[in-house]
Protein backbone atom coordinates (compact mmCIF):
# COMPACT_ATOMS: atom_id res chain seq x y z
CA MET A 1 0.00 0.00 0.00
CA ILE A 2 2.70 2.50 1.00
CA ALA A 3 4.71 1.57 -2.09
CA ASP A 4 1.71 2.35 -4.30
CA LEU A 5 1.16 5.68 -2.55
CA LYS A 6 4.81 6.62 -2.98
CA LYS A 7 4.57 5.78 -6.66
CA ARG A 8 1.44 7.94 -6.96
CA THR A 9 3.18 10.77 -5.13
CA ALA A 10 6.23 10.55 -7.39
CA GLU A 11 3.99 10.86 -10.46
CA ILE A 12 2.16 13.84 -8.95
CA ILE A 13 5.50 15.54 -8.29
CA ARG A 14 6.68 14.82 -11.84
CA ARG A 15 3.60 16.52 -13.27
CA PHE A 16 3.69 19.40 -10.79
CA LYS A 17 7.23 20.27 -11.89
CA LYS A 18 5.99 20.81 -15.43
CA MET A 19 2.77 22.55 -14.41
CA TYR A 20 4.17 25.04 -11.90
CA PRO A 21 7.88 25.66 -12.58
CA ASP A 22 7.69 29.11 -10.98
CA ALA A 23 5.75 28.17 -7.83
CA HIS A 24 6.93 30.10 -4.79
CA CYS A 25 5.81 31.56 -1.48
CA ALA A 26 2.90 33.92 -2.18
CA LEU A 27 3.50 36.12 0.87
CA ASP A 28 5.38 39.30 -0.03
CA HIS A 29 8.48 39.83 2.09
CA THR A 30 12.03 41.12 1.82
CA ASN A 31 13.57 39.37 4.81
CA THR A 32 13.02 36.55 7.29
CA PHE A 33 11.40 38.73 9.93
CA GLU A 34 8.82 40.06 7.46
CA LEU A 35 8.04 36.50 6.36
CA LEU A 36 7.43 35.51 9.99
CA ILE A 37 5.02 38.40 10.55
CA ALA A 38 3.22 37.80 7.24
CA THR A 39 2.79 34.11 8.01
CA ILE A 40 1.36 34.84 11.47
CA LEU A 41 -1.11 37.21 9.81
CA SER A 42 -2.06 34.61 7.19
CA ALA A 43 -3.90 32.42 9.69
CA GLN A 44 -7.55 32.29 8.60
CA CYS A 45 -6.80 34.94 5.98
CA THR A 46 -5.92 34.94 2.29
CA ASP A 47 -2.37 35.66 1.18
CA ALA A 48 -3.72 38.40 -1.08
CA ARG A 49 -5.27 40.23 1.86
CA VAL A 50 -2.11 39.80 3.94
CA ASN A 51 -0.03 41.30 1.13
CA ILE A 52 -2.33 44.34 1.01
CA VAL A 53 -1.95 44.85 4.75
CA THR A 54 1.81 44.27 4.90
CA ALA A 55 2.47 46.73 2.07
CA ASP A 56 1.86 49.50 4.64
CA LEU A 57 2.72 47.49 7.76
CA PHE A 58 6.29 46.76 6.70
CA ARG A 59 6.93 50.45 6.03
CA LYS A 60 5.79 51.33 9.53
CA TYR A 61 7.39 48.42 11.38
CA ARG A 62 10.84 47.32 10.24
CA ARG A 63 12.32 45.60 13.29
CA PRO A 64 10.97 43.66 16.28
CA GLU A 65 11.53 46.75 18.43
CA ASP A 66 9.14 48.76 16.27
CA TYR A 67 6.22 46.46 17.07
CA LEU A 68 6.87 46.95 20.78
CA LYS A 69 6.93 50.74 20.62
CA VAL A 70 3.20 50.93 19.92
CA SER A 71 0.23 49.79 21.97
CA GLN A 72 -1.52 46.56 21.15
CA LYS A 73 -4.58 48.63 20.20
CA GLU A 74 -2.63 50.54 17.56
CA LEU A 75 -1.21 47.34 16.10
CA GLU A 76 -4.70 45.85 16.07
CA LYS A 77 -5.89 48.73 13.90
CA ASP A 78 -3.01 48.22 11.49
CA ILE A 79 -3.81 44.52 10.97
CA HIS A 80 -7.57 44.63 11.52
CA SER A 81 -8.63 43.41 8.07
CA THR A 82 -6.67 40.15 8.40
CA GLY A 83 -9.16 38.93 11.02
CA PHE A 84 -8.53 37.66 14.56
CA PHE A 85 -6.59 40.89 14.94
CA ARG A 86 -6.53 40.94 18.74
CA ASN A 87 -4.87 37.54 19.06
CA LYS A 88 -2.56 38.27 16.13
CA ALA A 89 -1.44 41.59 17.59
CA LYS A 90 -0.83 39.97 20.97
CA ASN A 91 1.11 37.10 19.40
CA ILE A 92 3.21 39.37 17.19
CA GLN A 93 4.28 41.50 20.13
CA ALA A 94 5.01 38.41 22.22
CA ALA A 95 7.07 36.94 19.39
CA CYS A 96 9.00 40.18 18.94
CA GLN A 97 9.74 40.40 22.67
CA ARG A 98 11.10 36.86 22.73
CA ILE A 99 13.14 37.42 19.56
CA ILE A 100 14.80 40.35 21.31
CA ASP A 101 15.17 38.83 24.78
CA VAL A 102 16.15 35.27 23.90
CA TYR A 103 17.44 35.29 20.34
CA LYS A 104 19.24 38.65 20.23
CA GLY A 105 17.04 40.00 17.46
CA GLU A 106 17.49 37.01 15.14
CA ILE A 107 14.88 34.51 13.98
CA PRO A 108 15.76 31.06 15.39
CA ARG A 109 16.61 28.35 12.87
CA THR A 110 15.35 25.21 14.58
CA MET A 111 11.82 23.86 14.84
CA ASN A 112 11.90 23.60 18.64
CA GLU A 113 13.11 27.18 19.05
CA ILE A 114 10.85 28.86 16.52
CA LEU A 115 7.81 27.13 18.02
CA THR A 116 8.41 29.08 21.23
CA LEU A 117 7.51 32.35 19.48
CA GLY A 118 4.02 33.76 19.92
CA GLY A 119 1.58 32.75 17.20
CA VAL A 120 3.91 30.16 15.69
CA ALA A 121 2.66 26.61 15.14
CA ARG A 122 4.10 24.02 12.75
CA LYS A 123 2.67 25.61 9.61
CA THR A 124 4.28 28.97 10.31
CA ALA A 125 7.50 27.32 11.45
CA ASN A 126 7.71 25.25 8.26
CA VAL A 127 7.02 28.29 6.08
CA VAL A 128 9.79 30.33 7.70
CA LEU A 129 12.37 27.57 8.03
CA GLY A 130 11.78 26.33 4.49
CA ASN A 131 11.43 29.56 2.57
CA ALA A 132 13.83 31.77 4.51
CA PHE A 133 16.53 29.29 5.47
CA GLY A 134 16.04 26.38 3.08
CA ILE A 135 15.62 24.06 6.07
CA ALA A 136 13.24 21.16 5.38
CA SER A 137 11.84 20.41 8.83
CA GLY A 138 8.41 19.33 7.62
CA VAL A 139 5.69 20.00 5.05
CA VAL A 140 3.48 23.08 5.17
CA VAL A 141 -0.20 22.13 5.45
CA ASP A 142 -2.72 24.87 4.74
CA THR A 143 -6.31 24.55 3.52
CA HIS A 144 -5.24 23.86 -0.08
CA VAL A 145 -2.69 21.22 0.89
CA SER A 146 -5.22 19.61 3.23
CA ARG A 147 -7.95 19.48 0.58
CA LEU A 148 -5.73 18.23 -2.23
CA SER A 149 -4.05 15.63 -0.04
CA GLN A 150 -7.41 13.99 0.45
CA ARG A 151 -8.58 14.36 -3.15
CA LEU A 152 -5.35 12.90 -4.46
CA GLY A 153 -5.49 10.03 -2.00
CA LEU A 154 -2.34 11.02 -0.13
CA SER A 155 -4.02 11.25 3.26
CA ARG A 156 -7.31 10.26 4.85
CA ASN A 157 -6.67 12.43 7.87
CA THR A 158 -8.25 15.82 8.49
CA THR A 159 -5.96 17.48 11.04
CA PRO A 160 -2.91 19.38 9.75
CA GLU A 161 -0.54 17.50 12.02
CA LYS A 162 -1.64 14.07 10.81
CA ILE A 163 -1.76 15.17 7.16
CA GLU A 164 1.78 16.50 7.49
CA ALA A 165 2.91 13.18 8.97
CA ASP A 166 1.39 11.34 6.00
CA LEU A 167 3.07 13.66 3.49
CA ILE A 168 6.43 13.35 5.24
CA ASP A 169 6.18 9.60 4.71
CA LEU A 170 5.30 9.96 1.02
CA VAL A 171 7.16 13.01 -0.27
CA PRO A 172 10.96 12.75 -0.61
CA LYS A 173 12.62 15.22 1.77
CA ARG A 174 14.22 17.15 -1.09
CA TYR A 175 10.69 18.21 -2.11
CA TRP A 176 9.27 19.05 1.32
CA ILE A 177 9.68 22.78 0.72
CA MET A 178 8.42 22.89 -2.86
CA PHE A 179 5.58 20.37 -2.59
CA PRO A 180 3.24 22.73 -0.69
CA HIS A 181 3.90 25.50 -3.23
CA TRP A 182 2.84 23.17 -6.04
CA MET A 183 -0.22 22.02 -4.11
CA ILE A 184 -1.25 25.58 -3.26
CA SER A 185 -0.80 26.72 -6.87
CA HIS A 186 -2.94 23.81 -8.07
CA GLY A 187 -5.55 24.49 -5.41
CA ARG A 188 -5.86 28.11 -6.49
CA GLU A 189 -5.78 27.61 -10.24
CA ILE A 190 -7.53 24.30 -10.92
CA CYS A 191 -8.53 22.24 -7.89
CA ILE A 192 -10.71 24.99 -6.46
CA ALA A 193 -12.60 24.11 -3.30
CA ARG A 194 -16.18 24.70 -4.45
CA LYS A 195 -15.89 24.16 -8.18
CA PRO A 196 -12.80 22.20 -9.23
CA LYS A 197 -11.94 22.34 -12.92
CA CYS A 198 -11.66 18.59 -13.27
CA SER A 199 -12.11 18.52 -17.05
CA ILE A 200 -8.83 20.39 -17.59
CA CYS A 201 -6.87 18.99 -14.66
CA PRO A 202 -3.64 17.19 -15.61
CA LEU A 203 -4.01 15.12 -12.43
CA ASN A 204 -7.55 13.97 -13.18
CA ASP A 205 -6.55 10.33 -13.61
CA LEU A 206 -4.83 10.35 -10.21
CA CYS A 207 -7.62 12.07 -8.31
CA LEU A 208 -9.96 10.15 -6.03
CA LYS A 209 -12.35 13.10 -6.03
CA ILE A 210 -12.96 12.67 -2.30
CA GLY A 211 -15.51 15.18 -1.14
CA VAL A 212 -15.94 16.68 -4.61
CA THR A 213 -19.57 17.21 -5.56
CA THR A 214 -19.26 19.44 -8.61
CA PHE A 215 -17.28 18.65 -11.74
CA GLU A 216 -16.79 20.48 -15.01
């Protein structure tokens, strides 16, 4: 069974390489710290909305110290449209304080350390470690990766942690960083949640269509 799944996964990766040669992190950033903040803001929010917010945010706040010079209320106003703004503002300031106090202003480069920052769970940690440092510590699982993993028969689980564990078993480590980018690109362009474009999907023959009720 696992051998068959690995073979399926290898074929999916082969096709993804051709389909999305330019796939990359969709969150706009110029440095590791900005990527961390953008990823915290992306929880329950679209990357497009985050990029609109951070276009102004990153001009106002450039270093961890800058986020601590303002009140939580002011930061909440700056990030309001990303949703869950109170928790996000609180987490961002907590993360910045710890970055200063414990890590001397630098973003930690290990999973165990980065998970101690406010608002950082495995998804955020994987995004930062993979895209900023090229460190493959796991596989990013967002809503697109979760949905496609089930439709493509790569996981029957529904929680991000268990889906990630399944993907780690199936995806060769050298693709852990890129695989989510391919999945996210496919989820946005073709395998759309409510109305997947199955008739033009290059992965149609590999799809189990789990949970899909509408086909074109």
